[in-house]
Amino acid sequence: MKLENKKIGFAFTGSFCTFNIVLEELKKIKREGAEILPIMSDNAYNLDTKFGSAKDYIDKIKNITGTNEIIHTIQGAEPIGPKNLTDIMVVSPCSR
């Protein structure tokens, strides 16, 4: 599948131990030319864990996607469907 010019909602959820692997996949999607709408669950956005600080992951996601904003609340995510903001949604990582 070609991702160029596709709008991809990319949501980070729990399973913090896989965030670095998922970030590599996010980079690949960006290199394919996709426009990425970053989304993080409340926990992913706010919790520091032994795998890294929330701020560090937020900064990495912003750097990869080239955006200053990450959707991280239910209210922020509500318009995604009704406004057709994405062509594809990715929810990752999903716990193994």
PDB file of N, CA and C in Angstrom:
ATOM      1  N   MET A   1       0.838  -1.166   0.000  1.00  0.00           N
ATOM      2  CA  MET A   1       0.000   0.000   0.000  1.00  0.00           C
ATOM      3  C   MET A   1       0.890   1.238   0.000  1.00  0.00           C
ATOM      4  N   LYS A   2       0.536   2.195  -0.800  1.00  0.00           N
ATOM      5  CA  LYS A   2       1.267   3.455  -0.830  1.00  0.00           C
ATOM      6  C   LYS A   2       0.652   4.399   0.187  1.00  0.00           C
ATOM      7  N   LEU A   3       1.510   5.012   0.977  1.00  0.00           N
ATOM      8  CA  LEU A   3       1.032   5.877   2.051  1.00  0.00           C
ATOM      9  C   LEU A   3       1.161   7.361   1.729  1.00  0.00           C
ATOM     10  N   GLU A   4       1.768   7.675   0.598  1.00  0.00           N
ATOM     11  CA  GLU A   4       1.943   9.070   0.238  1.00  0.00           C
ATOM     12  C   GLU A   4       0.593   9.780   0.185  1.00  0.00           C
ATOM     13  N   ASN A   5       0.532  10.916   0.855  1.00  0.00           N
ATOM     14  CA  ASN A   5      -0.655  11.764   0.926  1.00  0.00           C
ATOM     15  C   ASN A   5      -1.828  11.139   1.681  1.00  0.00           C
ATOM     16  N   LYS A   6      -1.606  10.052   2.379  1.00  0.00           N
ATOM     17  CA  LYS A   6      -2.639   9.473   3.225  1.00  0.00           C
ATOM     18  C   LYS A   6      -2.583  10.159   4.585  1.00  0.00           C
ATOM     19  N   LYS A   7      -3.747  10.384   5.179  1.00  0.00           N
ATOM     20  CA  LYS A   7      -3.826  10.967   6.513  1.00  0.00           C
ATOM     21  C   LYS A   7      -3.986   9.808   7.498  1.00  0.00           C
ATOM     22  N   ILE A   8      -2.966   9.628   8.323  1.00  0.00           N
ATOM     23  CA  ILE A   8      -2.957   8.502   9.247  1.00  0.00           C
ATOM     24  C   ILE A   8      -3.024   9.006  10.682  1.00  0.00           C
ATOM     25  N   GLY A   9      -4.058   8.570  11.392  1.00  0.00           N
ATOM     26  CA  GLY A   9      -4.127   8.806  12.826  1.00  0.00           C
ATOM     27  C   GLY A   9      -3.311   7.713  13.494  1.00  0.00           C
ATOM     28  N   PHE A  10      -2.318   8.081  14.265  1.00  0.00           N
ATOM     29  CA  PHE A  10      -1.425   7.107  14.897  1.00  0.00           C
ATOM     30  C   PHE A  10      -1.534   7.283  16.397  1.00  0.00           C
ATOM     31  N   ALA A  11      -2.180   6.319  17.048  1.00  0.00           N
ATOM     32  CA  ALA A  11      -2.455   6.417  18.482  1.00  0.00           C
ATOM     33  C   ALA A  11      -1.502   5.554  19.289  1.00  0.00           C
ATOM     34  N   PHE A  12      -0.874   6.156  20.277  1.00  0.00           N
ATOM     35  CA  PHE A  12      -0.022   5.451  21.231  1.00  0.00           C
ATOM     36  C   PHE A  12      -0.844   5.132  22.468  1.00  0.00           C
ATOM     37  N   THR A  13      -0.830   3.868  22.857  1.00  0.00           N
ATOM     38  CA  THR A  13      -1.538   3.427  24.048  1.00  0.00           C
ATOM     39  C   THR A  13      -0.528   2.763  24.977  1.00  0.00           C
ATOM     40  N   GLY A  14      -1.005   1.987  25.921  1.00  0.00           N
ATOM     41  CA  GLY A  14      -0.127   1.317  26.878  1.00  0.00           C
ATOM     42  C   GLY A  14       0.810   0.311  26.224  1.00  0.00           C
ATOM     43  N   SER A  15       1.519  -0.376  27.034  1.00  0.00           N
ATOM     44  CA  SER A  15       2.615  -1.255  26.664  1.00  0.00           C
ATOM     45  C   SER A  15       3.844  -0.398  26.366  1.00  0.00           C
ATOM     46  N   PHE A  16       4.199   0.398  27.369  1.00  0.00           N
ATOM     47  CA  PHE A  16       5.285   1.367  27.255  1.00  0.00           C
ATOM     48  C   PHE A  16       6.607   0.731  26.842  1.00  0.00           C
ATOM     49  N   CYS A  17       6.793  -0.524  27.157  1.00  0.00           N
ATOM     50  CA  CYS A  17       8.060  -1.191  26.847  1.00  0.00           C
ATOM     51  C   CYS A  17       8.284  -1.305  25.344  1.00  0.00           C
ATOM     52  N   THR A  18       7.259  -1.104  24.543  1.00  0.00           N
ATOM     53  CA  THR A  18       7.421  -1.211  23.089  1.00  0.00           C
ATOM     54  C   THR A  18       7.438   0.147  22.383  1.00  0.00           C
ATOM     55  N   PHE A  19       7.383   1.230  23.123  1.00  0.00           N
ATOM     56  CA  PHE A  19       7.326   2.552  22.495  1.00  0.00           C
ATOM     57  C   PHE A  19       8.482   2.802  21.533  1.00  0.00           C
ATOM     58  N   ASN A  20       9.697   2.425  21.893  1.00  0.00           N
ATOM     59  CA  ASN A  20      10.833   2.689  21.007  1.00  0.00           C
ATOM     60  C   ASN A  20      10.715   1.921  19.697  1.00  0.00           C
ATOM     61  N   ILE A  21      10.189   0.709  19.748  1.00  0.00           N
ATOM     62  CA  ILE A  21       9.963  -0.065  18.524  1.00  0.00           C
ATOM     63  C   ILE A  21       8.898   0.617  17.677  1.00  0.00           C
ATOM     64  N   VAL A  22       7.831   1.064  18.328  1.00  0.00           N
ATOM     65  CA  VAL A  22       6.731   1.717  17.623  1.00  0.00           C
ATOM     66  C   VAL A  22       7.197   3.035  17.004  1.00  0.00           C
ATOM     67  N   LEU A  23       8.065   3.759  17.680  1.00  0.00           N
ATOM     68  CA  LEU A  23       8.594   5.002  17.117  1.00  0.00           C
ATOM     69  C   LEU A  23       9.331   4.755  15.806  1.00  0.00           C
ATOM     70  N   GLU A  24      10.023   3.637  15.713  1.00  0.00           N
ATOM     71  CA  GLU A  24      10.713   3.290  14.460  1.00  0.00           C
ATOM     72  C   GLU A  24       9.702   3.060  13.341  1.00  0.00           C
ATOM     73  N   GLU A  25       8.591   2.431  13.657  1.00  0.00           N
ATOM     74  CA  GLU A  25       7.536   2.225  12.660  1.00  0.00           C
ATOM     75  C   GLU A  25       6.907   3.553  12.253  1.00  0.00           C
ATOM     76  N   LEU A  26       6.738   4.449  13.215  1.00  0.00           N
ATOM     77  CA  LEU A  26       6.210   5.776  12.924  1.00  0.00           C
ATOM     78  C   LEU A  26       7.125   6.507  11.940  1.00  0.00           C
ATOM     79  N   LYS A  27       8.426   6.391  12.134  1.00  0.00           N
ATOM     80  CA  LYS A  27       9.396   7.001  11.207  1.00  0.00           C
ATOM     81  C   LYS A  27       9.238   6.445   9.797  1.00  0.00           C
ATOM     82  N   LYS A  28       9.042   5.139   9.693  1.00  0.00           N
ATOM     83  CA  LYS A  28       8.871   4.509   8.373  1.00  0.00           C
ATOM     84  C   LYS A  28       7.633   5.049   7.670  1.00  0.00           C
ATOM     85  N   ILE A  29       6.550   5.177   8.413  1.00  0.00           N
ATOM     86  CA  ILE A  29       5.310   5.695   7.835  1.00  0.00           C
ATOM     87  C   ILE A  29       5.513   7.129   7.359  1.00  0.00           C
ATOM     88  N   LYS A  30       6.209   7.921   8.138  1.00  0.00           N
ATOM     89  CA  LYS A  30       6.480   9.311   7.755  1.00  0.00           C
ATOM     90  C   LYS A  30       7.335   9.356   6.492  1.00  0.00           C
ATOM     91  N   ARG A  31       8.340   8.485   6.409  1.00  0.00           N
ATOM     92  CA  ARG A  31       9.201   8.443   5.212  1.00  0.00           C
ATOM     93  C   ARG A  31       8.413   8.058   3.963  1.00  0.00           C
ATOM     94  N   GLU A  32       7.339   7.316   4.139  1.00  0.00           N
ATOM     95  CA  GLU A  32       6.485   6.923   3.015  1.00  0.00           C
ATOM     96  C   GLU A  32       5.654   8.097   2.493  1.00  0.00           C
ATOM     97  N   GLY A  33       5.693   9.220   3.197  1.00  0.00           N
ATOM     98  CA  GLY A  33       4.993  10.409   2.735  1.00  0.00           C
ATOM     99  C   GLY A  33       3.629  10.629   3.343  1.00  0.00           C
ATOM    100  N   ALA A  34       3.310   9.906   4.394  1.00  0.00           N
ATOM    101  CA  ALA A  34       2.011  10.066   5.042  1.00  0.00           C
ATOM    102  C   ALA A  34       1.976  11.333   5.890  1.00  0.00           C
ATOM    103  N   GLU A  35       0.787  11.891   6.001  1.00  0.00           N
ATOM    104  CA  GLU A  35       0.531  12.972   6.952  1.00  0.00           C
ATOM    105  C   GLU A  35       0.035  12.297   8.225  1.00  0.00           C
ATOM    106  N   ILE A  36       0.715  12.536   9.331  1.00  0.00           N
ATOM    107  CA  ILE A  36       0.403  11.808  10.559  1.00  0.00           C
ATOM    108  C   ILE A  36      -0.254  12.726  11.578  1.00  0.00           C
ATOM    109  N   LEU A  37      -1.378  12.251  12.100  1.00  0.00           N
ATOM    110  CA  LEU A  37      -2.080  12.917  13.192  1.00  0.00           C
ATOM    111  C   LEU A  37      -1.763  12.132  14.461  1.00  0.00           C
ATOM    112  N   PRO A  38      -0.855  12.642  15.307  1.00  0.00           N
ATOM    113  CA  PRO A  38      -0.481  11.886  16.502  1.00  0.00           C
ATOM    114  C   PRO A  38      -1.536  11.970  17.596  1.00  0.00           C
ATOM    115  N   ILE A  39      -1.771  10.820  18.213  1.00  0.00           N
ATOM    116  CA  ILE A  39      -2.758  10.690  19.280  1.00  0.00           C
ATOM    117  C   ILE A  39      -2.114   9.868  20.384  1.00  0.00           C
ATOM    118  N   MET A  40      -2.332  10.259  21.623  1.00  0.00           N
ATOM    119  CA  MET A  40      -1.828   9.478  22.752  1.00  0.00           C
ATOM    120  C   MET A  40      -2.947   9.311  23.775  1.00  0.00           C
ATOM    121  N   SER A  41      -3.013   8.131  24.358  1.00  0.00           N
ATOM    122  CA  SER A  41      -3.957   7.942  25.452  1.00  0.00           C
ATOM    123  C   SER A  41      -3.524   8.831  26.614  1.00  0.00           C
ATOM    124  N   ASP A  42      -4.428   9.032  27.546  1.00  0.00           N
ATOM    125  CA  ASP A  42      -4.117   9.856  28.712  1.00  0.00           C
ATOM    126  C   ASP A  42      -2.883   9.323  29.441  1.00  0.00           C
ATOM    127  N   ASN A  43      -2.833   8.017  29.648  1.00  0.00           N
ATOM    128  CA  ASN A  43      -1.677   7.435  30.346  1.00  0.00           C
ATOM    129  C   ASN A  43      -0.396   7.586  29.539  1.00  0.00           C
ATOM    130  N   ALA A  44      -0.457   7.319  28.255  1.00  0.00           N
ATOM    131  CA  ALA A  44       0.738   7.452  27.423  1.00  0.00           C
ATOM    132  C   ALA A  44       1.251   8.889  27.433  1.00  0.00           C
ATOM    133  N   TYR A  45       0.343   9.848  27.473  1.00  0.00           N
ATOM    134  CA  TYR A  45       0.711  11.261  27.433  1.00  0.00           C
ATOM    135  C   TYR A  45       1.240  11.776  28.765  1.00  0.00           C
ATOM    136  N   ASN A  46       0.816  11.174  29.867  1.00  0.00           N
ATOM    137  CA  ASN A  46       1.103  11.748  31.179  1.00  0.00           C
ATOM    138  C   ASN A  46       2.017  10.945  32.089  1.00  0.00           C
ATOM    139  N   LEU A  47       2.163   9.651  31.853  1.00  0.00           N
ATOM    140  CA  LEU A  47       2.906   8.830  32.810  1.00  0.00           C
ATOM    141  C   LEU A  47       4.364   8.650  32.424  1.00  0.00           C
ATOM    142  N   ASP A  48       5.232   8.888  33.395  1.00  0.00           N
ATOM    143  CA  ASP A  48       6.634   8.508  33.260  1.00  0.00           C
ATOM    144  C   ASP A  48       6.751   7.066  33.750  1.00  0.00           C
ATOM    145  N   THR A  49       7.525   6.267  33.039  1.00  0.00           N
ATOM    146  CA  THR A  49       7.708   4.876  33.437  1.00  0.00           C
ATOM    147  C   THR A  49       9.196   4.553  33.424  1.00  0.00           C
ATOM    148  N   LYS A  50       9.521   3.346  33.806  1.00  0.00           N
ATOM    149  CA  LYS A  50      10.933   2.933  33.772  1.00  0.00           C
ATOM    150  C   LYS A  50      11.458   2.871  32.335  1.00  0.00           C
ATOM    151  N   PHE A  51      10.555   2.954  31.357  1.00  0.00           N
ATOM    152  CA  PHE A  51      10.972   2.902  29.955  1.00  0.00           C
ATOM    153  C   PHE A  51      11.209   4.289  29.372  1.00  0.00           C
ATOM    154  N   GLY A  52      10.879   5.341  30.120  1.00  0.00           N
ATOM    155  CA  GLY A  52      11.130   6.699  29.656  1.00  0.00           C
ATOM    156  C   GLY A  52      10.084   7.662  30.178  1.00  0.00           C
ATOM    157  N   SER A  53      10.400   8.937  30.041  1.00  0.00           N
ATOM    158  CA  SER A  53       9.467   9.965  30.519  1.00  0.00           C
ATOM    159  C   SER A  53       8.451  10.285  29.424  1.00  0.00           C
ATOM    160  N   ALA A  54       7.278  10.669  29.861  1.00  0.00           N
ATOM    161  CA  ALA A  54       6.227  11.049  28.917  1.00  0.00           C
ATOM    162  C   ALA A  54       6.695  12.207  28.050  1.00  0.00           C
ATOM    163  N   LYS A  55       7.361  13.186  28.648  1.00  0.00           N
ATOM    164  CA  LYS A  55       7.830  14.345  27.884  1.00  0.00           C
ATOM    165  C   LYS A  55       8.792  13.935  26.783  1.00  0.00           C
ATOM    166  N   ASP A  56       9.698  13.013  27.074  1.00  0.00           N
ATOM    167  CA  ASP A  56      10.639  12.562  26.045  1.00  0.00           C
ATOM    168  C   ASP A  56       9.909  11.920  24.870  1.00  0.00           C
ATOM    169  N   TYR A  57       8.912  11.082  25.164  1.00  0.00           N
ATOM    170  CA  TYR A  57       8.160  10.451  24.080  1.00  0.00           C
ATOM    171  C   TYR A  57       7.332  11.467  23.311  1.00  0.00           C
ATOM    172  N   ILE A  58       6.742  12.408  24.008  1.00  0.00           N
ATOM    173  CA  ILE A  58       5.987  13.477  23.341  1.00  0.00           C
ATOM    174  C   ILE A  58       6.900  14.240  22.391  1.00  0.00           C
ATOM    175  N   ASP A  59       8.081  14.611  22.864  1.00  0.00           N
ATOM    176  CA  ASP A  59       9.033  15.350  22.031  1.00  0.00           C
ATOM    177  C   ASP A  59       9.457  14.527  20.812  1.00  0.00           C
ATOM    178  N   LYS A  60       9.703  13.235  20.999  1.00  0.00           N
ATOM    179  CA  LYS A  60      10.090  12.370  19.877  1.00  0.00           C
ATOM    180  C   LYS A  60       8.975  12.271  18.848  1.00  0.00           C
ATOM    181  N   ILE A  61       7.749  12.105  19.306  1.00  0.00           N
ATOM    182  CA  ILE A  61       6.608  11.999  18.392  1.00  0.00           C
ATOM    183  C   ILE A  61       6.427  13.305  17.622  1.00  0.00           C
ATOM    184  N   LYS A  62       6.521  14.425  18.318  1.00  0.00           N
ATOM    185  CA  LYS A  62       6.404  15.723  17.642  1.00  0.00           C
ATOM    186  C   LYS A  62       7.506  15.900  16.613  1.00  0.00           C
ATOM    187  N   ASN A  63       8.718  15.496  16.949  1.00  0.00           N
ATOM    188  CA  ASN A  63       9.838  15.625  16.031  1.00  0.00           C
ATOM    189  C   ASN A  63       9.628  14.772  14.778  1.00  0.00           C
ATOM    190  N   ILE A  64       9.184  13.552  14.959  1.00  0.00           N
ATOM    191  CA  ILE A  64       8.968  12.657  13.821  1.00  0.00           C
ATOM    192  C   ILE A  64       7.833  13.156  12.933  1.00  0.00           C
ATOM    193  N   THR A  65       6.737  13.552  13.553  1.00  0.00           N
ATOM    194  CA  THR A  65       5.544  13.921  12.781  1.00  0.00           C
ATOM    195  C   THR A  65       5.576  15.358  12.270  1.00  0.00           C
ATOM    196  N   GLY A  66       6.418  16.181  12.862  1.00  0.00           N
ATOM    197  CA  GLY A  66       6.489  17.581  12.443  1.00  0.00           C
ATOM    198  C   GLY A  66       5.318  18.419  12.918  1.00  0.00           C
ATOM    199  N   THR A  67       4.685  17.977  13.981  1.00  0.00           N
ATOM    200  CA  THR A  67       3.544  18.716  14.520  1.00  0.00           C
ATOM    201  C   THR A  67       3.872  19.253  15.909  1.00  0.00           C
ATOM    202  N   ASN A  68       3.160  20.288  16.298  1.00  0.00           N
ATOM    203  CA  ASN A  68       3.314  20.833  17.644  1.00  0.00           C
ATOM    204  C   ASN A  68       2.251  20.326  18.591  1.00  0.00           C
ATOM    205  N   GLU A  69       1.240  19.657  18.057  1.00  0.00           N
ATOM    206  CA  GLU A  69       0.113  19.217  18.873  1.00  0.00           C
ATOM    207  C   GLU A  69      -0.069  17.704  18.787  1.00  0.00           C
ATOM    208  N   ILE A  70      -0.369  17.109  19.912  1.00  0.00           N
ATOM    209  CA  ILE A  70      -0.730  15.701  19.980  1.00  0.00           C
ATOM    210  C   ILE A  70      -2.107  15.634  20.635  1.00  0.00           C
ATOM    211  N   ILE A  71      -3.023  14.957  19.989  1.00  0.00           N
ATOM    212  CA  ILE A  71      -4.337  14.764  20.598  1.00  0.00           C
ATOM    213  C   ILE A  71      -4.153  13.816  21.772  1.00  0.00           C
ATOM    214  N   HIS A  72      -4.649  14.228  22.954  1.00  0.00           N
ATOM    215  CA  HIS A  72      -4.432  13.390  24.135  1.00  0.00           C
ATOM    216  C   HIS A  72      -5.617  13.404  25.100  1.00  0.00           C
ATOM    217  N   THR A  73      -6.736  13.915  24.632  1.00  0.00           N
ATOM    218  CA  THR A  73      -7.946  13.887  25.449  1.00  0.00           C
ATOM    219  C   THR A  73      -9.102  13.332  24.615  1.00  0.00           C
ATOM    220  N   ILE A  74     -10.123  12.861  25.295  1.00  0.00           N
ATOM    221  CA  ILE A  74     -11.314  12.388  24.592  1.00  0.00           C
ATOM    222  C   ILE A  74     -11.933  13.536  23.799  1.00  0.00           C
ATOM    223  N   GLN A  75     -11.996  14.702  24.406  1.00  0.00           N
ATOM    224  CA  GLN A  75     -12.569  15.855  23.720  1.00  0.00           C
ATOM    225  C   GLN A  75     -11.769  16.203  22.457  1.00  0.00           C
ATOM    226  N   GLY A  76     -10.465  16.090  22.552  1.00  0.00           N
ATOM    227  CA  GLY A  76      -9.624  16.369  21.389  1.00  0.00           C
ATOM    228  C   GLY A  76      -9.797  15.349  20.278  1.00  0.00           C
ATOM    229  N   ALA A  77     -10.096  14.101  20.660  1.00  0.00           N
ATOM    230  CA  ALA A  77     -10.243  13.029  19.673  1.00  0.00           C
ATOM    231  C   ALA A  77     -11.633  12.984  19.048  1.00  0.00           C
ATOM    232  N   GLU A  78     -12.620  13.562  19.697  1.00  0.00           N
ATOM    233  CA  GLU A  78     -14.001  13.457  19.213  1.00  0.00           C
ATOM    234  C   GLU A  78     -14.194  13.895  17.756  1.00  0.00           C
ATOM    235  N   PRO A  79     -13.539  14.952  17.275  1.00  0.00           N
ATOM    236  CA  PRO A  79     -13.770  15.382  15.889  1.00  0.00           C
ATOM    237  C   PRO A  79     -13.158  14.473  14.813  1.00  0.00           C
ATOM    238  N   ILE A  80     -12.303  13.546  15.189  1.00  0.00           N
ATOM    239  CA  ILE A  80     -11.589  12.741  14.182  1.00  0.00           C
ATOM    240  C   ILE A  80     -12.555  12.060  13.221  1.00  0.00           C
ATOM    241  N   GLY A  81     -13.546  11.364  13.734  1.00  0.00           N
ATOM    242  CA  GLY A  81     -14.496  10.667  12.871  1.00  0.00           C
ATOM    243  C   GLY A  81     -15.438  11.595  12.126  1.00  0.00           C
ATOM    244  N   PRO A  82     -16.179  12.434  12.854  1.00  0.00           N
ATOM    245  CA  PRO A  82     -17.151  13.299  12.175  1.00  0.00           C
ATOM    246  C   PRO A  82     -16.539  14.238  11.132  1.00  0.00           C
ATOM    247  N   LYS A  83     -15.312  14.658  11.356  1.00  0.00           N
ATOM    248  CA  LYS A  83     -14.668  15.581  10.414  1.00  0.00           C
ATOM    249  C   LYS A  83     -13.783  14.856   9.393  1.00  0.00           C
ATOM    250  N   ASN A  84     -13.808  13.518   9.426  1.00  0.00           N
ATOM    251  CA  ASN A  84     -13.002  12.721   8.486  1.00  0.00           C
ATOM    252  C   ASN A  84     -11.538  13.170   8.446  1.00  0.00           C
ATOM    253  N   LEU A  85     -10.937  13.272   9.619  1.00  0.00           N
ATOM    254  CA  LEU A  85      -9.563  13.767   9.713  1.00  0.00           C
ATOM    255  C   LEU A  85      -8.520  12.742   9.298  1.00  0.00           C
ATOM    256  N   THR A  86      -8.908  11.473   9.174  1.00  0.00           N
ATOM    257  CA  THR A  86      -7.931  10.438   8.815  1.00  0.00           C
ATOM    258  C   THR A  86      -8.488   9.507   7.745  1.00  0.00           C
ATOM    259  N   ASP A  87      -7.563   8.909   6.982  1.00  0.00           N
ATOM    260  CA  ASP A  87      -7.915   7.841   6.054  1.00  0.00           C
ATOM    261  C   ASP A  87      -7.736   6.496   6.730  1.00  0.00           C
ATOM    262  N   ILE A  88      -6.766   6.435   7.638  1.00  0.00           N
ATOM    263  CA  ILE A  88      -6.388   5.193   8.325  1.00  0.00           C
ATOM    264  C   ILE A  88      -6.120   5.524   9.779  1.00  0.00           C
ATOM    265  N   MET A  89      -6.496   4.618  10.670  1.00  0.00           N
ATOM    266  CA  MET A  89      -6.148   4.745  12.096  1.00  0.00           C
ATOM    267  C   MET A  89      -5.273   3.582  12.496  1.00  0.00           C
ATOM    268  N   VAL A  90      -4.175   3.879  13.174  1.00  0.00           N
ATOM    269  CA  VAL A  90      -3.288   2.866  13.725  1.00  0.00           C
ATOM    270  C   VAL A  90      -3.327   3.019  15.241  1.00  0.00           C
ATOM    271  N   VAL A  91      -3.547   1.931  15.955  1.00  0.00           N
ATOM    272  CA  VAL A  91      -3.478   1.941  17.410  1.00  0.00           C
ATOM    273  C   VAL A  91      -2.346   1.008  17.790  1.00  0.00           C
ATOM    274  N   SER A  92      -1.297   1.617  18.355  1.00  0.00           N
ATOM    275  CA  SER A  92      -0.113   0.844  18.635  1.00  0.00           C
ATOM    276  C   SER A  92       0.627   1.475  19.802  1.00  0.00           C
ATOM    277  N   PRO A  93       1.247   0.786  20.641  1.00  0.00           N
ATOM    278  CA  PRO A  93       1.306  -0.680  20.606  1.00  0.00           C
ATOM    279  C   PRO A  93       0.062  -1.293  21.222  1.00  0.00           C
ATOM    280  N   CYS A  94      -0.247  -2.447  20.775  1.00  0.00           N
ATOM    281  CA  CYS A  94      -1.256  -3.258  21.442  1.00  0.00           C
ATOM    282  C   CYS A  94      -0.470  -4.252  22.283  1.00  0.00           C
ATOM    283  N   SER A  95      -0.877  -4.438  23.501  1.00  0.00           N
ATOM    284  CA  SER A  95      -0.114  -5.321  24.399  1.00  0.00           C
ATOM    285  C   SER A  95       0.089  -6.684  23.771  1.00  0.00           C
ATOM    286  N   ARG A  96       1.286  -7.202  23.991  1.00  0.00           N
ATOM    287  CA  ARG A  96       1.612  -8.525  23.448  1.00  0.00           C
ATOM    288  C   ARG A  96       1.134  -9.589  24.380  1.00  0.00           C
TER     289      ARG A  96
END
